[in-house]
Amino acid sequence: MEKTIEDYVRGLDLDAYLVGGAVRDELLGRESKDADFLVPGVDTAGLKAALAPHGRVEDLVVADRLVGVRLHPADRNVRRLAPAGIEFAPPRAERSTGPGRHDFEIVPDPSLSVEDDMARRDFTINAMARRVETGELVDPFGGAEDLRRGVLRTVSPRSFQEDPLRLVRGLRFVSQLDLDPDEETLRQMRAEAGAVRLVSGERIGGGIAADGMGELSKLLLGAHPLKALRLARDTGVLVELVPEFEAAIGFRPRPIAACRSASGSPGSSTTSASRTSPGAARTDGCTTTRSPATQRGTTSR
């Protein structure tokens, strides 16, 4: 992140912490477009009052709940560096609303600590904060070490239950950062793969309604999309996202040269052994058509 934004935030007289992807990217030596800050000890109304003299302040709403504010600075130079605005929010925590595993909500609570807020994050590599005033890194779950080792690890066993989109987001990090999930995270992905169907198409794929690219779009544009897609296949997430892929998983077509050999040389008549009736599965492996019996039992999840 441009140091100018941090300098600007430092001058707002708020005990702010840089959070999320900006801290992760900073440790990786990458440029980040995120401008998200956590401000413990101040509620949303207090943030509005403190930031109002510095520009236009908008409500920051997530899942129909007010969780913070977005500042569009009056300073043109800073506004140029953060055209989407700078987000400020008090810490948030999970609150149970019933007996079911999905019966909970995320609520802002300015009395919580920075560590409490990190505990609700998706992966350890995103559960880090850096205090703007001192540069102190807050890393209660070992995200910096996981990043160094190339490990993708959830913060909580409930991570994918809290937001099934995290399944695709995790795969996106595999593609972009060449990470490998640890065994527990793999187990959680397999167990919760079906929950990805609960997520809207806009959040997964992106588009105008999602205000840009979704997680799947970012996955495909990453440096290692094949690695991520193989992991999606092996955990069952791929079939849940695109059920039409189920019949193709496990299929191994024969090379074209072998097909030509099985069909005879060019100009020769096709042998009776290579002829198949319409819709039937060929035994020479030279077609992607398979009978229903062949399709069953080939999907590995």
Protein backbone atom coordinates (compact mmCIF):
# COMPACT_ATOMS: atom_id res chain seq x y z
CA MET A 1 0.00 0.00 0.00
CA GLU A 2 1.10 3.55 -0.72
CA LYS A 3 2.66 5.00 2.43
CA THR A 4 0.74 8.21 1.71
CA ILE A 5 -2.53 6.51 2.69
CA GLU A 6 -1.04 5.31 5.96
CA ASP A 7 0.38 8.75 6.63
CA TYR A 8 -3.05 10.20 5.99
CA VAL A 9 -4.75 7.71 8.32
CA ARG A 10 -2.10 8.34 10.97
CA GLY A 11 -3.03 12.03 10.86
CA LEU A 12 -6.70 11.28 11.57
CA ASP A 13 -5.89 10.72 15.24
CA LEU A 14 -7.42 7.24 15.31
CA ASP A 15 -5.68 4.20 16.77
CA ALA A 16 -6.10 2.36 13.48
CA TYR A 17 -4.78 -1.03 12.35
CA LEU A 18 -4.22 -2.01 8.74
CA VAL A 19 -5.96 -5.36 8.23
CA GLY A 20 -6.78 -8.05 5.69
CA GLY A 21 -5.15 -8.56 2.33
CA ALA A 22 -3.01 -5.43 2.59
CA VAL A 23 -0.95 -6.93 5.44
CA ARG A 24 -0.62 -10.25 3.62
CA ASP A 25 0.48 -8.59 0.39
CA GLU A 26 2.89 -6.35 2.27
CA LEU A 27 4.64 -9.40 3.74
CA LEU A 28 4.84 -10.90 0.25
CA GLY A 29 6.32 -7.72 -1.18
CA ARG A 30 3.27 -7.22 -3.39
CA GLU A 31 1.34 -4.07 -4.12
CA SER A 32 -2.12 -4.05 -2.58
CA LYS A 33 -5.19 -2.08 -3.56
CA ASP A 34 -6.92 -2.75 -0.23
CA ALA A 35 -7.37 0.16 2.17
CA ASP A 36 -9.13 -1.40 5.16
CA PHE A 37 -8.55 -0.29 8.73
CA LEU A 38 -9.74 -1.64 12.08
CA VAL A 39 -10.36 0.86 14.87
CA PRO A 40 -10.93 -0.70 18.31
CA GLY A 41 -12.67 1.28 21.01
CA VAL A 42 -14.82 3.38 18.66
CA ASP A 43 -18.31 2.48 17.44
CA THR A 44 -19.71 3.30 14.00
CA ALA A 45 -21.30 6.55 15.15
CA GLY A 46 -18.00 7.64 16.67
CA LEU A 47 -16.17 6.85 13.42
CA LYS A 48 -18.67 8.92 11.43
CA ALA A 49 -18.18 11.88 13.75
CA ALA A 50 -14.38 11.61 13.67
CA LEU A 51 -14.16 11.28 9.89
CA ALA A 52 -16.86 13.73 8.77
CA PRO A 53 -14.49 16.75 8.75
CA HIS A 54 -12.13 14.92 6.39
CA GLY A 55 -14.46 14.09 3.50
CA ARG A 56 -17.60 12.26 2.49
CA VAL A 57 -18.53 9.39 4.80
CA GLU A 58 -20.73 6.47 3.68
CA ASP A 59 -22.18 3.57 5.63
CA LEU A 60 -20.36 0.27 5.12
CA VAL A 61 -23.04 -2.43 4.97
CA VAL A 62 -22.36 -6.18 4.84
CA ALA A 63 -25.24 -8.69 4.67
CA ASP A 64 -27.72 -5.90 5.45
CA ARG A 65 -25.85 -4.98 8.61
CA LEU A 66 -24.01 -1.72 9.30
CA VAL A 67 -20.44 -2.75 10.14
CA GLY A 68 -18.41 0.42 9.60
CA VAL A 69 -17.91 3.42 7.32
CA ARG A 70 -16.16 4.30 4.08
CA LEU A 71 -14.36 7.62 3.80
CA HIS A 72 -13.88 9.40 0.48
CA PRO A 73 -11.19 11.90 1.45
CA ALA A 74 -11.48 15.56 0.53
CA ASP A 75 -7.76 15.48 -0.21
CA ARG A 76 -7.53 14.84 -3.96
CA ASN A 77 -4.12 13.18 -3.78
CA VAL A 78 -5.31 10.63 -1.24
CA ARG A 79 -8.58 10.12 -3.10
CA ARG A 80 -6.58 9.31 -6.22
CA LEU A 81 -4.71 6.57 -4.32
CA ALA A 82 -7.94 5.10 -2.91
CA PRO A 83 -10.65 5.81 -5.53
CA ALA A 84 -13.04 3.34 -3.89
CA GLY A 85 -12.59 5.00 -0.52
CA ILE A 86 -10.93 3.99 2.75
CA GLU A 87 -12.83 1.59 5.00
CA PHE A 88 -12.87 1.95 8.78
CA ALA A 89 -14.65 -0.46 11.10
CA PRO A 90 -14.77 -1.43 14.76
CA PRO A 91 -13.90 -5.04 15.64
CA ARG A 92 -16.53 -7.66 14.84
CA ALA A 93 -17.40 -11.00 16.42
CA GLU A 94 -19.65 -14.00 15.88
CA ARG A 95 -22.85 -14.14 17.92
CA SER A 96 -25.04 -17.26 18.18
CA THR A 97 -28.69 -16.81 17.20
CA GLY A 98 -29.94 -20.40 17.58
CA PRO A 99 -29.02 -24.08 17.91
CA GLY A 100 -28.12 -24.75 14.27
CA ARG A 101 -24.64 -24.58 12.84
CA HIS A 102 -25.66 -21.67 10.60
CA ASP A 103 -27.51 -19.86 13.39
CA PHE A 104 -25.14 -16.99 14.03
CA GLU A 105 -24.39 -13.46 12.89
CA ILE A 106 -21.37 -11.21 12.73
CA VAL A 107 -21.84 -8.03 14.76
CA PRO A 108 -19.58 -5.00 15.38
CA ASP A 109 -18.42 -4.53 18.96
CA PRO A 110 -15.94 -1.72 19.71
CA SER A 111 -15.11 -3.27 23.10
CA LEU A 112 -13.43 -6.25 21.42
CA SER A 113 -9.69 -6.51 20.94
CA VAL A 114 -7.85 -6.70 17.64
CA GLU A 115 -7.15 -10.39 18.39
CA ASP A 116 -10.88 -11.02 18.84
CA ASP A 117 -11.54 -9.57 15.40
CA MET A 118 -8.79 -11.68 13.84
CA ALA A 119 -10.48 -14.81 15.22
CA ARG A 120 -13.47 -14.37 12.88
CA ARG A 121 -11.30 -14.16 9.72
CA ASP A 122 -11.21 -16.87 7.06
CA PHE A 123 -7.56 -17.95 6.81
CA THR A 124 -4.54 -17.34 8.99
CA ILE A 125 -2.80 -15.43 6.18
CA ASN A 126 -5.65 -12.90 6.36
CA ALA A 127 -5.86 -12.83 10.16
CA MET A 128 -3.08 -10.32 10.66
CA ALA A 129 -3.11 -6.62 11.51
CA ARG A 130 -0.47 -3.94 11.67
CA ARG A 131 -0.80 -0.96 13.98
CA VAL A 132 -0.41 2.18 11.88
CA GLU A 133 1.14 4.26 14.66
CA THR A 134 3.91 1.84 15.67
CA GLY A 135 4.17 -0.74 12.88
CA GLU A 136 3.52 -3.56 15.39
CA LEU A 137 2.30 -6.77 13.72
CA VAL A 138 -0.61 -8.52 15.43
CA ASP A 139 -0.55 -12.17 14.32
CA PRO A 140 -2.36 -14.39 16.84
CA PHE A 141 -2.72 -17.42 14.53
CA GLY A 142 0.70 -17.63 12.90
CA GLY A 143 -0.32 -16.26 9.52
CA ALA A 144 3.13 -14.86 8.74
CA GLU A 145 4.73 -18.27 9.28
CA ASP A 146 2.05 -20.00 7.19
CA LEU A 147 2.69 -17.48 4.45
CA ARG A 148 6.42 -18.16 4.61
CA ARG A 149 5.83 -21.93 4.38
CA GLY A 150 3.19 -21.62 1.65
CA VAL A 151 0.41 -23.11 3.79
CA LEU A 152 -3.30 -22.31 3.55
CA ARG A 153 -4.94 -22.86 6.95
CA THR A 154 -8.34 -21.86 8.27
CA VAL A 155 -8.57 -19.84 11.45
CA SER A 156 -11.54 -21.83 12.77
CA PRO A 157 -13.10 -25.27 12.17
CA ARG A 158 -16.30 -23.32 11.37
CA SER A 159 -14.69 -21.12 8.73
CA PHE A 160 -16.50 -22.59 5.71
CA GLN A 161 -19.75 -22.91 7.64
CA GLU A 162 -19.65 -19.20 8.44
CA ASP A 163 -19.30 -18.32 4.76
CA PRO A 164 -19.21 -21.06 2.09
CA LEU A 165 -17.74 -18.58 -0.39
CA ARG A 166 -14.50 -19.11 1.53
CA LEU A 167 -14.22 -22.50 -0.21
CA VAL A 168 -13.73 -20.77 -3.55
CA ARG A 169 -11.69 -17.97 -2.00
CA GLY A 170 -9.29 -20.55 -0.58
CA LEU A 171 -8.92 -22.09 -4.03
CA ARG A 172 -8.28 -18.61 -5.41
CA PHE A 173 -5.38 -18.18 -2.97
CA VAL A 174 -4.01 -21.55 -4.10
CA SER A 175 -4.03 -20.24 -7.67
CA GLN A 176 -2.70 -16.76 -6.94
CA LEU A 177 -0.15 -17.53 -4.22
CA ASP A 178 0.74 -21.19 -4.92
CA LEU A 179 -0.38 -22.27 -1.43
CA ASP A 180 -1.11 -25.81 -0.19
CA PRO A 181 -3.93 -26.45 2.30
CA ASP A 182 -2.97 -28.31 5.46
CA GLU A 183 -4.70 -31.61 6.25
CA GLU A 184 -7.33 -30.09 8.54
CA THR A 185 -8.27 -27.47 5.98
CA LEU A 186 -8.55 -30.19 3.31
CA ARG A 187 -10.85 -32.17 5.59
CA GLN A 188 -13.03 -29.12 6.16
CA MET A 189 -13.20 -28.42 2.42
CA ARG A 190 -14.36 -31.94 1.66
CA ALA A 191 -16.92 -31.88 4.46
CA GLU A 192 -18.39 -28.50 3.48
CA ALA A 193 -18.10 -28.70 -0.33
CA GLY A 194 -21.87 -28.95 -0.79
CA ALA A 195 -22.42 -25.66 1.03
CA VAL A 196 -20.97 -23.72 -1.91
CA ARG A 197 -24.35 -24.13 -3.61
CA LEU A 198 -25.78 -21.71 -1.05
CA VAL A 199 -23.64 -18.87 -2.45
CA SER A 200 -25.02 -16.57 -5.15
CA GLY A 201 -23.57 -16.80 -8.63
CA GLU A 202 -22.53 -13.15 -8.50
CA ARG A 203 -20.34 -13.68 -5.44
CA ILE A 204 -18.68 -16.70 -7.05
CA GLY A 205 -18.31 -15.57 -10.65
CA GLY A 206 -18.44 -11.80 -10.39
CA GLY A 207 -20.07 -9.38 -12.79
CA ILE A 208 -21.77 -6.02 -12.56
CA ALA A 209 -23.95 -7.07 -9.63
CA ALA A 210 -20.83 -8.11 -7.71
CA ASP A 211 -19.02 -4.85 -8.52
CA GLY A 212 -16.18 -6.58 -10.36
CA MET A 213 -14.62 -10.03 -10.55
CA GLY A 214 -15.75 -12.84 -8.28
CA GLU A 215 -13.59 -15.46 -6.62
CA LEU A 216 -13.80 -17.93 -9.52
CA SER A 217 -12.76 -15.28 -12.03
CA LYS A 218 -9.74 -14.39 -9.88
CA LEU A 219 -8.88 -18.09 -9.54
CA LEU A 220 -8.82 -18.58 -13.30
CA LEU A 221 -6.62 -15.52 -13.77
CA GLY A 222 -4.13 -16.60 -11.09
CA ALA A 223 -0.65 -17.95 -11.72
CA HIS A 224 -1.57 -21.57 -10.87
CA PRO A 225 -5.19 -22.19 -11.98
CA LEU A 226 -4.58 -25.87 -12.85
CA LYS A 227 -3.38 -26.59 -9.32
CA ALA A 228 -6.45 -24.90 -7.88
CA LEU A 229 -8.88 -26.67 -10.22
CA ARG A 230 -7.35 -30.06 -9.40
CA LEU A 231 -7.85 -29.31 -5.73
CA ALA A 232 -11.43 -28.24 -6.45
CA ARG A 233 -11.95 -31.58 -8.20
CA ASP A 234 -10.41 -33.66 -5.43
CA THR A 235 -12.36 -31.95 -2.64
CA GLY A 236 -15.70 -32.09 -4.46
CA VAL A 237 -16.03 -28.31 -4.77
CA LEU A 238 -15.74 -28.36 -8.57
CA VAL A 239 -18.74 -30.63 -9.09
CA GLU A 240 -20.79 -28.57 -6.65
CA LEU A 241 -19.94 -25.44 -8.62
CA VAL A 242 -20.46 -26.99 -12.06
CA PRO A 243 -22.45 -30.25 -11.77
CA GLU A 244 -22.06 -30.86 -15.52
CA PHE A 245 -18.39 -31.71 -14.89
CA GLU A 246 -19.29 -34.80 -12.87
CA ALA A 247 -19.51 -37.15 -15.85
CA ALA A 248 -16.11 -36.03 -17.15
CA ILE A 249 -14.14 -36.56 -13.93
CA GLY A 250 -12.03 -39.70 -14.22
CA PHE A 251 -12.34 -39.91 -18.01
CA ARG A 252 -9.04 -40.57 -19.82
CA PRO A 253 -9.28 -40.29 -23.64
CA ARG A 254 -6.77 -42.17 -25.77
CA PRO A 255 -4.24 -40.19 -27.85
CA ILE A 256 -5.36 -39.23 -31.35
CA ALA A 257 -2.67 -41.43 -32.94
CA ALA A 258 -4.02 -44.47 -31.14
CA CYS A 259 -7.53 -43.68 -32.31
CA ARG A 260 -6.37 -43.46 -35.90
CA SER A 261 -4.59 -46.80 -35.54
CA ALA A 262 -7.66 -48.42 -34.07
CA SER A 263 -9.82 -47.05 -36.88
CA GLY A 264 -7.46 -48.19 -39.60
CA SER A 265 -5.19 -46.22 -41.94
CA PRO A 266 -6.61 -43.31 -43.95
CA GLY A 267 -8.61 -44.55 -46.88
CA SER A 268 -9.16 -48.03 -45.47
CA SER A 269 -12.55 -49.32 -44.41
CA THR A 270 -13.39 -49.32 -40.73
CA THR A 271 -13.18 -52.75 -39.13
CA SER A 272 -16.27 -54.26 -37.60
CA ALA A 273 -14.57 -54.32 -34.20
CA SER A 274 -14.30 -50.53 -34.16
CA ARG A 275 -17.90 -49.87 -35.23
CA THR A 276 -20.35 -48.80 -32.52
CA SER A 277 -24.03 -48.17 -32.54
CA PRO A 278 -25.22 -44.59 -31.95
CA GLY A 279 -25.03 -43.61 -28.26
CA ALA A 280 -23.04 -46.68 -27.24
CA ALA A 281 -19.68 -46.51 -25.50
CA ARG A 282 -16.77 -47.52 -27.73
CA THR A 283 -14.20 -49.93 -26.40
CA ASP A 284 -11.24 -48.39 -28.25
CA GLY A 285 -11.31 -45.19 -26.11
CA CYS A 286 -11.56 -42.92 -29.16
CA THR A 287 -14.65 -41.01 -28.16
CA THR A 288 -15.85 -39.07 -25.16
CA THR A 289 -19.25 -40.78 -25.37
CA ARG A 290 -19.85 -43.17 -22.51
CA SER A 291 -22.78 -45.30 -21.51
CA PRO A 292 -24.61 -44.51 -18.25
CA ALA A 293 -23.00 -47.58 -16.68
CA THR A 294 -19.57 -46.26 -17.56
CA GLN A 295 -20.38 -42.83 -16.15
CA ARG A 296 -21.39 -44.19 -12.77
CA GLY A 297 -18.68 -44.77 -10.25
CA THR A 298 -15.99 -42.68 -11.93
CA THR A 299 -16.43 -39.53 -9.89
CA SER A 300 -13.99 -39.07 -7.07
CA ARG A 301 -14.83 -36.54 -4.41
